[in-house]
Amino acid sequence: MLTINHEEIEGFVEEVRRLYPFFPFVGARLRKDLVWQGHSLGKDDWLLLDLYGTTHDARLFPQPAVFNPKRESSWRNGDFRFIPQGGGRPETNHRCPGEKMTVAILQETLKLICRSRPVRITPADANIPLGSIPASPAPPVSIILAHAEANAVAARFRR
């Protein structure tokens, strides 16, 4: 059995969320006129926040394309760099109400996978095309968990 500690699980889950946010961007309408960096924006104009671009920005995340669970990115830091489900502190800024639950579900799923030996993931070379919302692995990814009791559980994951 593979054993990992809580910090490793959390780092893994947060890095998955950083690399593969559920939505590539979020939108909002301005409540009032605004001039930002020399650009005039009017009340009711749409703004798009680039979640994917922000979490892949090398100025914020060195080597952004590298999966690094020790990166220590987390919504718990309360800043506006790690924004796959919103930015800032949950108590004072916007964050997705389901974020804590999403993190908990991903952590429990990872624990289940780590307790199961062997684990087979097919296909090994699936990619995630970014041309649809939400993005889904192509082809779909299957995770086969073989338990010690010799029964197998197959779960099909599609984002």
C-alpha atoms as a PDB file:
ATOM      1  CA  MET A   1       0.000   0.000   0.000  1.00  0.00           C
ATOM      2  CA  LEU A   2       1.237   3.468  -0.885  1.00  0.00           C
ATOM      3  CA  THR A   3       1.274   5.821   2.105  1.00  0.00           C
ATOM      4  CA  ILE A   4       1.195   9.584   1.755  1.00  0.00           C
ATOM      5  CA  ASN A   5       0.665  12.261   4.378  1.00  0.00           C
ATOM      6  CA  HIS A   6      -1.940  15.019   4.502  1.00  0.00           C
ATOM      7  CA  GLU A   7       0.437  17.728   3.223  1.00  0.00           C
ATOM      8  CA  GLU A   8       1.340  15.591   0.195  1.00  0.00           C
ATOM      9  CA  ILE A   9      -2.326  14.946  -0.560  1.00  0.00           C
ATOM     10  CA  GLU A  10      -3.213  18.619  -0.235  1.00  0.00           C
ATOM     11  CA  GLY A  11      -0.268  19.697  -2.412  1.00  0.00           C
ATOM     12  CA  PHE A  12      -1.203  17.169  -5.096  1.00  0.00           C
ATOM     13  CA  VAL A  13      -4.861  18.234  -5.141  1.00  0.00           C
ATOM     14  CA  GLU A  14      -4.072  21.958  -5.215  1.00  0.00           C
ATOM     15  CA  GLU A  15      -1.583  21.495  -8.055  1.00  0.00           C
ATOM     16  CA  VAL A  16      -4.215  19.595 -10.066  1.00  0.00           C
ATOM     17  CA  ARG A  17      -6.635  22.494  -9.521  1.00  0.00           C
ATOM     18  CA  ARG A  18      -3.961  25.034 -10.498  1.00  0.00           C
ATOM     19  CA  LEU A  19      -3.050  23.251 -13.727  1.00  0.00           C
ATOM     20  CA  TYR A  20      -6.587  22.263 -14.714  1.00  0.00           C
ATOM     21  CA  PRO A  21      -9.142  24.825 -13.461  1.00  0.00           C
ATOM     22  CA  PHE A  22     -12.735  23.750 -14.098  1.00  0.00           C
ATOM     23  CA  PHE A  23     -13.434  26.973 -15.989  1.00  0.00           C
ATOM     24  CA  PRO A  24     -10.818  28.786 -18.102  1.00  0.00           C
ATOM     25  CA  PHE A  25     -12.290  32.186 -17.179  1.00  0.00           C
ATOM     26  CA  VAL A  26     -15.101  33.854 -15.261  1.00  0.00           C
ATOM     27  CA  GLY A  27     -17.044  36.965 -16.239  1.00  0.00           C
ATOM     28  CA  ALA A  28     -18.660  39.898 -14.484  1.00  0.00           C
ATOM     29  CA  ARG A  29     -20.258  43.224 -15.396  1.00  0.00           C
ATOM     30  CA  LEU A  30     -18.867  46.490 -14.094  1.00  0.00           C
ATOM     31  CA  ARG A  31     -21.027  48.310 -11.569  1.00  0.00           C
ATOM     32  CA  LYS A  32     -19.567  51.716 -12.474  1.00  0.00           C
ATOM     33  CA  ASP A  33     -17.282  53.371 -15.029  1.00  0.00           C
ATOM     34  CA  LEU A  34     -13.609  52.581 -14.500  1.00  0.00           C
ATOM     35  CA  VAL A  35     -10.251  53.576 -15.943  1.00  0.00           C
ATOM     36  CA  TRP A  36      -7.731  50.760 -15.546  1.00  0.00           C
ATOM     37  CA  GLN A  37      -4.155  51.063 -16.799  1.00  0.00           C
ATOM     38  CA  GLY A  38      -5.237  53.774 -19.253  1.00  0.00           C
ATOM     39  CA  HIS A  39      -8.244  51.813 -20.574  1.00  0.00           C
ATOM     40  CA  SER A  40     -11.711  53.320 -20.147  1.00  0.00           C
ATOM     41  CA  LEU A  41     -14.332  50.773 -19.189  1.00  0.00           C
ATOM     42  CA  GLY A  42     -18.017  51.617 -18.903  1.00  0.00           C
ATOM     43  CA  LYS A  43     -20.691  50.626 -16.440  1.00  0.00           C
ATOM     44  CA  ASP A  44     -22.227  47.264 -17.450  1.00  0.00           C
ATOM     45  CA  ASP A  45     -19.205  46.348 -19.624  1.00  0.00           C
ATOM     46  CA  TRP A  46     -18.209  42.697 -19.367  1.00  0.00           C
ATOM     47  CA  LEU A  47     -14.837  41.780 -17.884  1.00  0.00           C
ATOM     48  CA  LEU A  48     -13.295  38.332 -18.112  1.00  0.00           C
ATOM     49  CA  LEU A  49     -10.865  37.053 -15.491  1.00  0.00           C
ATOM     50  CA  ASP A  50      -8.431  34.602 -17.082  1.00  0.00           C
ATOM     51  CA  LEU A  51      -8.244  31.801 -14.482  1.00  0.00           C
ATOM     52  CA  TYR A  52      -6.178  29.502 -16.701  1.00  0.00           C
ATOM     53  CA  GLY A  53      -3.754  32.257 -17.709  1.00  0.00           C
ATOM     54  CA  THR A  54      -3.308  33.479 -14.147  1.00  0.00           C
ATOM     55  CA  THR A  55      -2.567  30.012 -12.757  1.00  0.00           C
ATOM     56  CA  HIS A  56      -0.119  29.407 -15.636  1.00  0.00           C
ATOM     57  CA  ASP A  57       1.704  32.759 -15.343  1.00  0.00           C
ATOM     58  CA  ALA A  58       5.463  32.232 -14.818  1.00  0.00           C
ATOM     59  CA  ARG A  59       5.663  35.493 -12.844  1.00  0.00           C
ATOM     60  CA  LEU A  60       3.332  34.003 -10.252  1.00  0.00           C
ATOM     61  CA  PHE A  61       4.191  30.299 -10.561  1.00  0.00           C
ATOM     62  CA  PRO A  62       7.776  29.519 -11.639  1.00  0.00           C
ATOM     63  CA  GLN A  63       7.816  26.765 -14.275  1.00  0.00           C
ATOM     64  CA  PRO A  64       4.007  26.886 -14.553  1.00  0.00           C
ATOM     65  CA  ALA A  65       3.687  23.882 -16.890  1.00  0.00           C
ATOM     66  CA  VAL A  66       5.509  21.606 -14.424  1.00  0.00           C
ATOM     67  CA  PHE A  67       3.341  19.574 -12.036  1.00  0.00           C
ATOM     68  CA  ASN A  68       4.884  20.324  -8.638  1.00  0.00           C
ATOM     69  CA  PRO A  69       2.827  19.247  -5.587  1.00  0.00           C
ATOM     70  CA  LYS A  70       5.388  20.909  -3.298  1.00  0.00           C
ATOM     71  CA  ARG A  71       4.618  24.317  -4.836  1.00  0.00           C
ATOM     72  CA  GLU A  72       2.454  25.187  -1.791  1.00  0.00           C
ATOM     73  CA  SER A  73      -0.306  26.884  -3.767  1.00  0.00           C
ATOM     74  CA  SER A  74      -3.560  26.987  -1.886  1.00  0.00           C
ATOM     75  CA  TRP A  75      -6.740  28.963  -1.514  1.00  0.00           C
ATOM     76  CA  ARG A  76      -5.854  29.102   2.188  1.00  0.00           C
ATOM     77  CA  ASN A  77      -3.140  31.686   1.443  1.00  0.00           C
ATOM     78  CA  GLY A  78      -5.899  34.171   0.681  1.00  0.00           C
ATOM     79  CA  ASP A  79      -4.158  35.992  -2.129  1.00  0.00           C
ATOM     80  CA  PHE A  80      -5.220  36.498  -5.728  1.00  0.00           C
ATOM     81  CA  ARG A  81      -2.642  34.283  -7.466  1.00  0.00           C
ATOM     82  CA  PHE A  82      -4.248  30.894  -6.835  1.00  0.00           C
ATOM     83  CA  ILE A  83      -7.718  31.471  -8.263  1.00  0.00           C
ATOM     84  CA  PRO A  84      -9.129  28.293  -9.836  1.00  0.00           C
ATOM     85  CA  GLN A  85     -12.369  28.937  -7.914  1.00  0.00           C
ATOM     86  CA  GLY A  86     -12.092  32.635  -7.051  1.00  0.00           C
ATOM     87  CA  GLY A  87      -9.640  34.885  -5.257  1.00  0.00           C
ATOM     88  CA  GLY A  88      -8.941  36.268  -1.818  1.00  0.00           C
ATOM     89  CA  ARG A  89     -10.142  35.147   1.595  1.00  0.00           C
ATOM     90  CA  PRO A  90     -13.420  33.191   1.747  1.00  0.00           C
ATOM     91  CA  GLU A  91     -14.645  35.446   4.573  1.00  0.00           C
ATOM     92  CA  THR A  92     -14.198  38.726   2.681  1.00  0.00           C
ATOM     93  CA  ASN A  93     -13.797  38.094  -1.068  1.00  0.00           C
ATOM     94  CA  HIS A  94     -15.382  35.933  -3.736  1.00  0.00           C
ATOM     95  CA  ARG A  95     -14.630  32.253  -3.695  1.00  0.00           C
ATOM     96  CA  CYS A  96     -16.805  29.447  -5.029  1.00  0.00           C
ATOM     97  CA  PRO A  97     -19.091  28.178  -2.230  1.00  0.00           C
ATOM     98  CA  GLY A  98     -18.285  24.607  -3.271  1.00  0.00           C
ATOM     99  CA  GLU A  99     -14.507  25.018  -3.163  1.00  0.00           C
ATOM    100  CA  LYS A 100     -13.898  23.416   0.239  1.00  0.00           C
ATOM    101  CA  MET A 101     -16.114  20.499  -0.741  1.00  0.00           C
ATOM    102  CA  THR A 102     -14.311  20.129  -4.081  1.00  0.00           C
ATOM    103  CA  VAL A 103     -10.949  19.991  -2.311  1.00  0.00           C
ATOM    104  CA  ALA A 104     -12.261  17.442   0.228  1.00  0.00           C
ATOM    105  CA  ILE A 105     -13.727  15.198  -2.499  1.00  0.00           C
ATOM    106  CA  LEU A 106     -10.483  15.297  -4.486  1.00  0.00           C
ATOM    107  CA  GLN A 107      -8.462  14.485  -1.344  1.00  0.00           C
ATOM    108  CA  GLU A 108     -10.667  11.497  -0.464  1.00  0.00           C
ATOM    109  CA  THR A 109     -10.525  10.269  -4.069  1.00  0.00           C
ATOM    110  CA  LEU A 110      -6.732  10.460  -4.016  1.00  0.00           C
ATOM    111  CA  LYS A 111      -6.625   8.537  -0.702  1.00  0.00           C
ATOM    112  CA  LEU A 112      -8.803   5.809  -2.230  1.00  0.00           C
ATOM    113  CA  ILE A 113      -6.576   5.576  -5.290  1.00  0.00           C
ATOM    114  CA  CYS A 114      -3.427   5.413  -3.130  1.00  0.00           C
ATOM    115  CA  ARG A 115      -4.885   2.593  -0.992  1.00  0.00           C
ATOM    116  CA  SER A 116      -5.603   0.512  -4.087  1.00  0.00           C
ATOM    117  CA  ARG A 117      -2.775  -1.426  -5.637  1.00  0.00           C
ATOM    118  CA  PRO A 118      -2.371  -1.831  -8.523  1.00  0.00           C
ATOM    119  CA  VAL A 119      -3.918   1.168 -10.188  1.00  0.00           C
ATOM    120  CA  ARG A 120      -4.288   1.354 -13.953  1.00  0.00           C
ATOM    121  CA  ILE A 121      -5.072   4.624 -15.726  1.00  0.00           C
ATOM    122  CA  THR A 122      -6.049   4.519 -19.377  1.00  0.00           C
ATOM    123  CA  PRO A 123      -5.245   6.037 -21.716  1.00  0.00           C
ATOM    124  CA  ALA A 124      -1.888   7.162 -20.390  1.00  0.00           C
ATOM    125  CA  ASP A 125      -1.595   9.912 -22.994  1.00  0.00           C
ATOM    126  CA  ALA A 126      -4.958  11.724 -22.807  1.00  0.00           C
ATOM    127  CA  ASN A 127      -4.795  15.441 -23.352  1.00  0.00           C
ATOM    128  CA  ILE A 128      -7.198  18.180 -22.337  1.00  0.00           C
ATOM    129  CA  PRO A 129      -8.266  20.310 -25.290  1.00  0.00           C
ATOM    130  CA  LEU A 130      -9.064  23.833 -24.133  1.00  0.00           C
ATOM    131  CA  GLY A 131     -11.632  24.634 -26.823  1.00  0.00           C
ATOM    132  CA  SER A 132     -14.726  23.636 -24.827  1.00  0.00           C
ATOM    133  CA  ILE A 133     -16.198  24.497 -21.440  1.00  0.00           C
ATOM    134  CA  PRO A 134     -15.726  22.572 -19.300  1.00  0.00           C
ATOM    135  CA  ALA A 135     -12.664  20.974 -20.836  1.00  0.00           C
ATOM    136  CA  SER A 136     -12.749  17.167 -20.838  1.00  0.00           C
ATOM    137  CA  PRO A 137      -9.904  14.702 -21.324  1.00  0.00           C
ATOM    138  CA  ALA A 138      -9.797  13.276 -24.835  1.00  0.00           C
ATOM    139  CA  PRO A 139     -10.181  10.381 -24.981  1.00  0.00           C
ATOM    140  CA  PRO A 140     -12.024   9.962 -21.629  1.00  0.00           C
ATOM    141  CA  VAL A 141      -9.838   8.714 -18.783  1.00  0.00           C
ATOM    142  CA  SER A 142     -10.607   5.482 -16.905  1.00  0.00           C
ATOM    143  CA  ILE A 143      -9.096   4.654 -13.518  1.00  0.00           C
ATOM    144  CA  ILE A 144      -9.172   0.967 -12.576  1.00  0.00           C
ATOM    145  CA  LEU A 145      -8.653   0.229  -8.873  1.00  0.00           C
ATOM    146  CA  ALA A 146      -7.837  -3.411  -8.033  1.00  0.00           C
ATOM    147  CA  HIS A 147      -8.510  -4.165  -4.343  1.00  0.00           C
ATOM    148  CA  ALA A 148      -6.812  -6.892  -2.271  1.00  0.00           C
ATOM    149  CA  GLU A 149     -10.127  -8.834  -2.186  1.00  0.00           C
ATOM    150  CA  ALA A 150      -9.593  -9.372  -5.934  1.00  0.00           C
ATOM    151  CA  ASN A 151     -12.616  -7.321  -6.864  1.00  0.00           C
ATOM    152  CA  ALA A 152     -12.095  -4.386  -9.182  1.00  0.00           C
ATOM    153  CA  VAL A 153     -13.868  -1.088  -9.205  1.00  0.00           C
ATOM    154  CA  ALA A 154     -13.879   0.871 -12.444  1.00  0.00           C
ATOM    155  CA  ALA A 155     -14.656   4.534 -12.406  1.00  0.00           C
ATOM    156  CA  ARG A 156     -15.002   6.625 -15.511  1.00  0.00           C
ATOM    157  CA  PHE A 157     -14.042  10.232 -15.029  1.00  0.00           C
ATOM    158  CA  ARG A 158     -15.126  12.975 -17.397  1.00  0.00           C
ATOM    159  CA  ARG A 159     -14.653  16.623 -16.537  1.00  0.00           C
END
